[in-house]
Amino acid sequence: MTDLSFGNQRAVPGTRRPLIRVELASSSAGAGDRLADGIGSLATAVGVDLGGDRGGWTDQLVGLVATTGMLPDVDAVSLFLAAGPSAPEPALGDRGSVAIGYADAAPTRVFTGEVAVLGDGLDGLRRVELANGGQALAHLRVDQSFEGVDAADIVRDLLGRVDVTAGNLEAGVALPFHALDARRHAAECIATLAARSGFVACFDRDGALDFRPPAASETLATFTHGVDLLGFELAASRPAVEQIAISGEGAAGTAGATAWAWFANEPDPVTTTAGAGTRTRRESDPTLRSLEAVETAARWRIEGAARRASRGRLTVTGNPAVAVGHRVAVEGSPSATLDGEWLVLAIRHTLGPSTGFVTEMRVTRFASGGTGGFNFPGGLG
C-alpha cells in the first residue's frame, strides 16, 4: 500500500508532514472485484485511485474534518475534494476507514463507517461524508419493554436491530423493568442508559459501540505548554443543581426485585437525596423502579451538573492517538488550574493547507472514581 504525504511541498527540517490514509470499498462490489491490492474498489490510500494513477485523491483532496463524541451525537468524517474530471467518485454506502498521522510514522485509524452524504457546491468542492453506526441508531425508534435486565442487555438489543457491531459492553445499572419510548431515538435511549450507569457510550476506531466506565487505566497523551499545547479555554461556574431529591415509583428493592410493578404506598422508601447546597431540585421519575436505580440516578445527575460546570476546550498539534472517553493530561501551563488530567468528551481533527493538522478536544476535569454525567449532547459546536 502506498501512503502519500498531505501536500506536495518539501517539509521544513524539524517539522512533521501530516499524512492521511483513506480506505473505501464499494458496497456493491464482490470480494473478487476489489482493486488496488485488495484494499477497496475506490481507493487504497490518499494518492492512489482506481487505476493506481497518482491523480485522484492526491491531487483533489484539499481537507479533512473528523468529529467524534458520545451518544446521542453522531460521529462523522468529511473529506473535501476539488471537483474535476479526475476526482474520485465514491457512492453512498461505500464502507471504509480513515487514518491520520505523519510521514515519519504509520497513520492511526480514527474512524470506520460508510459514505452517508455526497455534496457539491459552487465553491468547486465535493464533500464526501462518512458516518458510523451512530447514524443508524439516530434513525431507530422503538416501543419496547424489558424486564429483569441490565442496561447492556437493552443496548445489545438495539444494536442488533440495525446491525451495529457491539464493542466493550459492560453490564451497567440493573433494571427490574424498563420501557423504551419511540418518541426518542435509540441513540438518545443509549445515552440515557449510559448516564444512569455512570458510563460512556461512544464508537471506537473500528466502528464498534463501547458502553463502559470512562477508561481510568492510562493517560493516552500528555500535552505541554510551549511544545504541543496550542490553546486551552476553561470555563468554570457554580453548578446549576447542587442538591437533588428523586423519587421513583416501583417497590423493587424494598419488596423484592419481582415487585417492580407495584406502586409504593409511600414515596420515602424509593426516594433519595444526593449532593449539598442551596440550588436544590426535586424530581419524580416513574421509570425508576427500585431504590438502587433511584440512588444511581441521583448520583449521576449531581456529578453531571458538577462536570457541566467545569468544561474546557483543548487545542493541540494533530494527535490521532486521543480517544473519546479516555484521559489526557496537561502540564506546564501558566495557570495551575489548567494542569492535570482531563476526560475527553468530544474530538475534532482538522487537516488542511491553511491549518495543518490540529486536534481540538472538549474536556472535563477527570475525577477518579466518578460515576456519571459524562454524556453531553452538542459535540464541539
Protein backbone atom coordinates (compact mmCIF):
# COMPACT_ATOMS: atom_id res chain seq x y z
CA MET A 1 0.00 0.00 0.00
CA THR A 2 1.24 3.48 -0.84
CA ASP A 3 0.77 6.36 1.57
CA LEU A 4 1.41 9.88 0.39
CA SER A 5 2.06 12.98 2.44
CA PHE A 6 -0.59 15.67 2.51
CA GLY A 7 0.73 18.40 0.21
CA ASN A 8 3.50 18.49 -2.36
CA GLN A 9 5.95 20.96 -0.86
CA ARG A 10 9.11 19.80 0.85
CA ALA A 11 8.88 19.61 4.62
CA VAL A 12 10.84 22.14 6.61
CA PRO A 13 13.56 20.36 8.62
CA GLY A 14 12.37 19.67 12.14
CA THR A 15 8.69 19.58 11.18
CA ARG A 16 6.40 16.61 10.63
CA ARG A 17 4.36 16.32 7.46
CA PRO A 18 0.75 15.13 8.02
CA LEU A 19 -0.48 12.05 6.20
CA ILE A 20 -3.97 10.69 5.51
CA ARG A 21 -4.90 7.15 4.57
CA VAL A 22 -8.37 6.53 3.15
CA GLU A 23 -9.63 3.00 2.52
CA LEU A 24 -13.04 2.60 0.89
CA ALA A 25 -14.68 -0.50 -0.55
CA SER A 26 -17.69 -0.38 -2.82
CA SER A 27 -20.87 -1.53 -1.14
CA SER A 28 -21.85 -3.31 -4.36
CA ALA A 29 -18.53 -4.94 -5.22
CA GLY A 30 -17.96 -8.62 -4.59
CA ALA A 31 -14.83 -9.92 -2.95
CA GLY A 32 -13.35 -10.70 -6.35
CA ASP A 33 -14.00 -7.18 -7.66
CA ARG A 34 -11.69 -5.39 -5.25
CA LEU A 35 -8.89 -3.38 -6.78
CA ALA A 36 -5.66 -1.81 -5.65
CA ASP A 37 -4.02 -4.55 -3.63
CA GLY A 38 -7.33 -5.84 -2.28
CA ILE A 39 -7.96 -2.82 -0.08
CA GLY A 40 -11.01 -1.42 -1.82
CA SER A 41 -12.60 -0.63 -5.12
CA LEU A 42 -12.43 3.14 -4.61
CA ALA A 43 -9.02 3.81 -3.15
CA THR A 44 -6.32 2.19 -1.10
CA ALA A 45 -4.79 5.38 0.22
CA VAL A 46 -4.54 9.08 -0.31
CA GLY A 47 -2.64 9.31 -3.56
CA VAL A 48 -3.91 6.10 -5.20
CA ASP A 49 -7.17 5.98 -7.12
CA LEU A 50 -8.94 3.26 -9.07
CA GLY A 51 -6.30 2.59 -11.66
CA GLY A 52 -3.29 3.24 -9.47
CA ASP A 53 -2.87 6.64 -11.17
CA ARG A 54 -1.32 9.13 -8.79
CA GLY A 55 -4.04 11.66 -9.50
CA GLY A 56 -7.48 11.49 -7.92
CA TRP A 57 -7.09 11.58 -4.18
CA THR A 58 -3.56 13.03 -4.30
CA ASP A 59 -4.45 15.97 -6.50
CA GLN A 60 -8.05 16.53 -5.40
CA LEU A 61 -8.02 16.09 -1.61
CA VAL A 62 -7.87 19.53 0.00
CA GLY A 63 -9.03 18.93 3.56
CA LEU A 64 -10.47 16.69 6.24
CA VAL A 65 -12.61 17.20 9.35
CA ALA A 66 -13.22 14.22 11.65
CA THR A 67 -15.60 14.69 14.58
CA THR A 68 -16.28 12.05 17.22
CA GLY A 69 -18.07 12.22 20.54
CA MET A 70 -20.52 10.46 22.83
CA LEU A 71 -24.03 9.42 22.01
CA PRO A 72 -26.51 10.87 21.23
CA ASP A 73 -24.17 12.84 18.91
CA VAL A 74 -23.48 11.19 15.55
CA ASP A 75 -19.82 10.89 14.53
CA ALA A 76 -18.76 11.94 11.04
CA VAL A 77 -15.73 12.45 8.83
CA SER A 78 -15.86 14.95 5.96
CA LEU A 79 -13.35 14.67 3.12
CA PHE A 80 -13.16 17.74 0.87
CA LEU A 81 -12.18 17.19 -2.75
CA ALA A 82 -11.58 19.70 -5.51
CA ALA A 83 -14.13 18.89 -8.21
CA GLY A 84 -12.75 17.83 -11.56
CA PRO A 85 -12.67 15.01 -14.09
CA SER A 86 -10.03 13.12 -12.11
CA ALA A 87 -11.81 13.40 -8.75
CA PRO A 88 -12.75 10.08 -7.11
CA GLU A 89 -16.42 9.17 -7.34
CA PRO A 90 -17.49 7.27 -4.22
CA ALA A 91 -21.07 6.05 -3.87
CA LEU A 92 -23.48 6.18 -0.97
CA GLY A 93 -22.98 3.12 1.20
CA ASP A 94 -19.31 2.56 0.35
CA ARG A 95 -17.66 1.32 3.55
CA GLY A 96 -14.18 2.10 4.77
CA SER A 97 -11.93 3.85 7.24
CA VAL A 98 -9.82 6.97 7.65
CA ALA A 99 -6.43 7.07 9.33
CA ILE A 100 -4.37 10.17 10.11
CA GLY A 101 -0.75 10.51 11.09
CA TYR A 102 2.62 11.76 9.97
CA ALA A 103 5.01 10.73 7.23
CA ASP A 104 7.57 9.51 9.78
CA ALA A 105 5.15 7.05 11.45
CA ALA A 106 2.29 4.77 10.50
CA PRO A 107 -1.06 6.60 10.47
CA THR A 108 -3.59 5.82 13.21
CA ARG A 109 -7.15 4.88 12.33
CA VAL A 110 -9.58 7.45 13.69
CA PHE A 111 -12.84 6.41 12.05
CA THR A 112 -14.67 3.50 10.44
CA GLY A 113 -18.01 3.89 8.70
CA GLU A 114 -19.74 4.29 5.38
CA VAL A 115 -20.37 7.10 2.91
CA ALA A 116 -23.57 8.81 4.09
CA VAL A 117 -23.52 12.16 2.26
CA LEU A 118 -22.19 13.32 -1.10
CA GLY A 119 -22.26 17.07 -1.60
CA ASP A 120 -21.21 19.56 -4.27
CA GLY A 121 -21.15 23.35 -4.11
CA LEU A 122 -20.45 26.47 -6.12
CA ASP A 123 -17.09 26.73 -4.39
CA GLY A 124 -15.91 23.84 -6.53
CA LEU A 125 -15.54 21.45 -3.60
CA ARG A 126 -17.03 17.99 -3.31
CA ARG A 127 -17.78 16.78 0.22
CA VAL A 128 -17.67 13.08 0.99
CA GLU A 129 -19.06 12.44 4.48
CA LEU A 130 -18.73 9.14 6.29
CA ALA A 131 -20.90 8.18 9.27
CA ASN A 132 -20.71 5.22 11.63
CA GLY A 133 -23.39 3.23 13.42
CA GLY A 134 -24.49 6.30 15.35
CA GLN A 135 -26.46 7.38 12.30
CA ALA A 136 -28.38 4.10 12.20
CA LEU A 137 -29.17 4.41 15.91
CA ALA A 138 -30.35 8.00 15.41
CA HIS A 139 -32.89 6.73 12.86
CA LEU A 140 -34.12 3.85 15.04
CA ARG A 141 -37.20 4.34 17.22
CA VAL A 142 -38.54 1.51 19.34
CA ASP A 143 -41.54 0.89 21.57
CA GLN A 144 -40.38 -1.98 23.75
CA SER A 145 -40.40 -3.01 27.40
CA PHE A 146 -37.76 -5.07 29.19
CA GLU A 147 -37.97 -6.94 32.48
CA GLY A 148 -35.14 -8.17 34.69
CA VAL A 149 -32.25 -6.88 32.55
CA ASP A 150 -29.22 -4.71 32.91
CA ALA A 151 -28.50 -1.68 30.74
CA ALA A 152 -26.13 -3.56 28.43
CA ASP A 153 -28.89 -6.06 27.55
CA ILE A 154 -31.00 -3.22 26.17
CA VAL A 155 -28.05 -1.71 24.33
CA ARG A 156 -27.24 -5.07 22.76
CA ASP A 157 -30.85 -5.46 21.63
CA LEU A 158 -30.85 -2.05 19.95
CA LEU A 159 -27.54 -2.66 18.20
CA GLY A 160 -28.83 -5.94 16.81
CA ARG A 161 -31.85 -4.24 15.26
CA VAL A 162 -29.65 -2.11 12.97
CA ASP A 163 -26.68 -4.48 12.59
CA VAL A 164 -24.25 -2.27 14.52
CA THR A 165 -21.21 -4.03 16.00
CA ALA A 166 -21.01 -4.26 19.79
CA GLY A 167 -17.65 -3.37 21.30
CA ASN A 168 -16.92 -3.36 25.01
CA LEU A 169 -20.36 -3.63 26.62
CA GLU A 170 -20.33 -3.71 30.41
CA ALA A 171 -23.45 -4.51 32.42
CA GLY A 172 -24.40 -1.09 33.74
CA VAL A 173 -27.33 -0.39 36.04
CA ALA A 174 -29.71 -3.27 36.88
CA LEU A 175 -33.25 -2.62 35.65
CA PRO A 176 -36.13 -4.64 37.12
CA PHE A 177 -38.24 -3.02 34.40
CA HIS A 178 -37.51 -0.54 31.64
CA ALA A 179 -39.55 0.80 28.73
CA LEU A 180 -38.28 2.42 25.55
CA ASP A 181 -40.43 5.12 24.00
CA ALA A 182 -40.45 5.74 20.24
CA ARG A 183 -40.61 9.48 20.88
CA ARG A 184 -36.85 9.25 21.40
CA HIS A 185 -34.42 7.60 19.01
CA ALA A 186 -32.14 4.77 20.06
CA ALA A 187 -29.02 6.93 20.34
CA GLU A 188 -30.77 9.07 22.96
CA CYS A 189 -32.02 5.98 24.80
CA ILE A 190 -28.50 4.52 24.96
CA ALA A 191 -27.08 7.87 26.12
CA THR A 192 -29.61 7.93 28.97
CA LEU A 193 -28.74 4.38 29.98
CA ALA A 194 -25.05 5.29 29.93
CA ALA A 195 -25.59 8.32 32.12
CA ARG A 196 -27.66 6.34 34.62
CA SER A 197 -24.89 3.74 34.75
CA GLY A 198 -22.06 6.28 35.02
CA PHE A 199 -20.76 5.05 31.66
CA VAL A 200 -19.63 6.49 28.37
CA ALA A 201 -21.37 5.40 25.17
CA CYS A 202 -19.18 6.01 22.13
CA PHE A 203 -17.88 4.32 18.99
CA ASP A 204 -14.32 3.04 18.82
CA ARG A 205 -11.92 3.42 15.91
CA ASP A 206 -13.22 0.26 14.27
CA GLY A 207 -16.87 1.31 14.31
CA ALA A 208 -17.99 -0.78 17.33
CA LEU A 209 -20.01 0.77 20.15
CA ASP A 210 -18.46 0.84 23.62
CA PHE A 211 -20.72 1.05 26.68
CA ARG A 212 -18.42 1.21 29.68
CA PRO A 213 -17.00 3.32 32.51
CA PRO A 214 -14.53 6.05 31.49
CA ALA A 215 -11.13 4.48 30.90
CA ALA A 216 -9.08 5.07 34.02
CA SER A 217 -6.16 2.74 33.40
CA GLU A 218 -3.94 5.07 31.41
CA THR A 219 -3.43 8.59 30.14
CA LEU A 220 -3.34 8.45 26.34
CA ALA A 221 -1.36 11.65 25.85
CA THR A 222 0.29 14.46 27.81
CA PHE A 223 0.35 17.95 26.30
CA THR A 224 2.89 20.55 27.37
CA HIS A 225 2.54 24.30 27.14
CA GLY A 226 5.04 25.68 24.64
CA VAL A 227 5.51 22.29 22.96
CA ASP A 228 2.30 20.81 21.56
CA LEU A 229 -0.40 22.65 23.54
CA LEU A 230 -1.81 25.35 21.24
CA GLY A 231 -4.71 26.57 23.34
CA PHE A 232 -6.84 25.80 26.36
CA GLU A 233 -10.03 27.62 27.36
CA LEU A 234 -11.60 26.56 30.65
CA ALA A 235 -14.99 27.80 31.81
CA ALA A 236 -15.90 27.07 35.44
CA SER A 237 -19.12 28.11 37.11
CA ARG A 238 -21.33 27.15 40.00
CA PRO A 239 -23.35 24.00 39.24
CA ALA A 240 -26.95 24.66 38.24
CA VAL A 241 -28.05 21.89 40.63
CA GLU A 242 -26.19 21.26 43.90
CA GLN A 243 -28.69 19.01 45.68
CA ILE A 244 -31.39 16.80 44.22
CA ALA A 245 -34.10 14.59 45.64
CA ILE A 246 -35.50 11.94 43.29
CA SER A 247 -38.49 9.66 43.84
CA GLY A 248 -39.15 6.51 41.87
CA GLU A 249 -42.45 4.66 41.58
CA GLY A 250 -41.64 0.97 41.97
CA ALA A 251 -41.25 -1.19 45.06
CA ALA A 252 -38.40 -3.34 43.74
CA GLY A 253 -35.56 -3.38 46.21
CA THR A 254 -37.84 -2.80 49.18
CA ALA A 255 -40.25 -5.67 48.47
CA GLY A 256 -38.03 -7.79 46.25
CA ALA A 257 -36.95 -7.48 42.62
CA THR A 258 -40.15 -9.07 41.34
CA ALA A 259 -42.15 -6.22 42.87
CA TRP A 260 -41.07 -3.74 40.22
CA ALA A 261 -44.67 -3.42 39.01
CA TRP A 262 -46.01 -2.47 42.43
CA PHE A 263 -46.66 1.16 43.21
CA ALA A 264 -45.15 2.25 46.50
CA ASN A 265 -47.73 3.38 49.06
CA GLU A 266 -45.31 5.99 50.38
CA PRO A 267 -42.59 7.71 48.30
CA ASP A 268 -39.98 7.73 51.08
CA PRO A 269 -38.76 4.12 50.54
CA VAL A 270 -37.95 4.94 46.89
CA THR A 271 -36.66 8.48 47.42
CA THR A 272 -33.07 9.52 47.85
CA THR A 273 -31.13 12.78 48.09
CA ALA A 274 -27.69 13.49 46.66
CA GLY A 275 -25.39 16.48 46.88
CA ALA A 276 -25.42 19.52 49.14
CA GLY A 277 -26.08 23.19 48.56
CA THR A 278 -28.77 25.82 48.16
CA ARG A 279 -29.55 25.15 44.50
CA THR A 280 -31.96 22.29 45.02
CA ARG A 281 -34.32 20.33 42.83
CA ARG A 282 -36.92 17.66 43.42
CA GLU A 283 -37.91 15.22 40.68
CA SER A 284 -40.13 12.21 40.18
CA ASP A 285 -39.02 9.62 37.63
CA PRO A 286 -41.56 6.84 37.01
CA THR A 287 -39.00 4.80 35.05
CA LEU A 288 -37.03 4.18 38.26
CA ARG A 289 -38.50 1.03 39.75
CA SER A 290 -36.00 0.28 42.54
CA LEU A 291 -34.19 2.17 45.27
CA GLU A 292 -30.83 1.24 43.73
CA ALA A 293 -31.85 2.81 40.42
CA VAL A 294 -33.03 5.96 42.21
CA GLU A 295 -29.74 6.28 44.11
CA THR A 296 -27.69 5.83 40.94
CA ALA A 297 -29.80 8.39 39.06
CA ALA A 298 -29.45 10.98 41.81
CA ARG A 299 -25.70 10.48 42.00
CA TRP A 300 -25.08 10.80 38.26
CA ARG A 301 -27.27 13.91 37.97
CA ILE A 302 -25.32 15.71 40.68
CA GLU A 303 -21.97 14.64 39.25
CA GLY A 304 -23.14 15.52 35.76
CA ALA A 305 -24.10 19.02 36.92
CA ALA A 306 -20.69 19.45 38.51
CA ARG A 307 -18.91 18.35 35.33
CA ARG A 308 -21.03 20.61 33.13
CA ALA A 309 -19.99 23.50 35.36
CA SER A 310 -16.31 22.91 34.54
CA ARG A 311 -15.62 22.24 30.88
CA GLY A 312 -12.72 23.12 28.64
CA ARG A 313 -11.72 23.35 25.00
CA LEU A 314 -8.25 21.95 24.44
CA THR A 315 -6.38 22.53 21.16
CA VAL A 316 -3.15 20.69 20.35
CA THR A 317 -0.99 19.83 17.39
CA GLY A 318 -2.57 16.95 15.49
CA ASN A 319 -2.72 13.84 17.65
CA PRO A 320 -4.72 10.86 16.32
CA ALA A 321 -3.99 8.79 19.46
CA VAL A 322 -6.53 10.61 21.64
CA ALA A 323 -9.92 8.92 22.02
CA VAL A 324 -13.33 9.81 23.43
CA GLY A 325 -13.90 8.53 26.95
CA HIS A 326 -10.18 8.40 27.77
CA ARG A 327 -7.85 10.64 29.74
CA VAL A 328 -5.33 13.21 28.59
CA ALA A 329 -3.04 15.35 30.74
CA VAL A 330 -1.87 18.96 30.57
CA GLU A 331 1.34 20.24 32.13
CA GLY A 332 3.45 23.39 32.23
CA SER A 333 0.59 25.81 31.64
CA PRO A 334 0.78 29.35 33.09
CA SER A 335 -2.26 28.65 35.30
CA ALA A 336 -2.19 25.75 37.72
CA THR A 337 -5.94 25.29 37.22
CA LEU A 338 -5.28 24.07 33.67
CA ASP A 339 -2.73 21.42 34.60
CA GLY A 340 -3.87 17.92 35.50
CA GLU A 341 -5.91 15.11 33.98
CA TRP A 342 -8.93 15.63 31.77
CA LEU A 343 -11.61 13.34 30.39
CA VAL A 344 -12.18 13.66 26.64
CA LEU A 345 -15.84 14.19 25.73
CA ALA A 346 -15.53 15.02 22.03
CA ILE A 347 -12.77 15.32 19.41
CA ARG A 348 -12.37 17.22 16.16
CA HIS A 349 -9.39 16.54 13.91
CA THR A 350 -8.88 19.18 11.22
CA LEU A 351 -6.36 18.87 8.41
CA GLY A 352 -5.96 21.38 5.61
CA PRO A 353 -3.40 23.53 3.79
CA SER A 354 -4.17 26.62 5.88
CA THR A 355 -4.46 24.93 9.29
CA GLY A 356 -2.12 21.97 9.05
CA PHE A 357 -3.09 19.10 11.35
CA VAL A 358 -4.84 20.31 14.51
CA THR A 359 -6.79 18.34 17.14
CA GLU A 360 -9.43 20.04 19.27
CA MET A 361 -10.98 18.33 22.29
CA ARG A 362 -13.85 19.15 24.58
CA VAL A 363 -12.86 18.01 28.07
CA THR A 364 -14.00 17.96 31.66
CA ARG A 365 -11.93 17.50 34.79
CA PHE A 366 -11.24 13.81 35.39
CA ALA A 367 -12.17 12.66 38.87
CA SER A 368 -11.00 9.19 39.87
CA GLY A 369 -13.94 7.11 40.99
CA GLY A 370 -16.55 9.36 39.37
CA THR A 371 -19.69 7.57 38.29
CA GLY A 372 -21.76 9.71 35.99
CA GLY A 373 -22.68 12.72 33.95
CA PHE A 374 -20.37 12.10 31.01
CA ASN A 375 -22.75 12.33 28.09
CA PHE A 376 -23.17 15.88 26.85
CA PRO A 377 -25.03 16.41 23.57
CA GLY A 378 -23.88 19.07 21.16
CA GLY A 379 -20.40 17.96 20.11
CA LEU A 380 -17.76 20.66 19.77
CA GLY A 381 -20.24 23.15 18.38
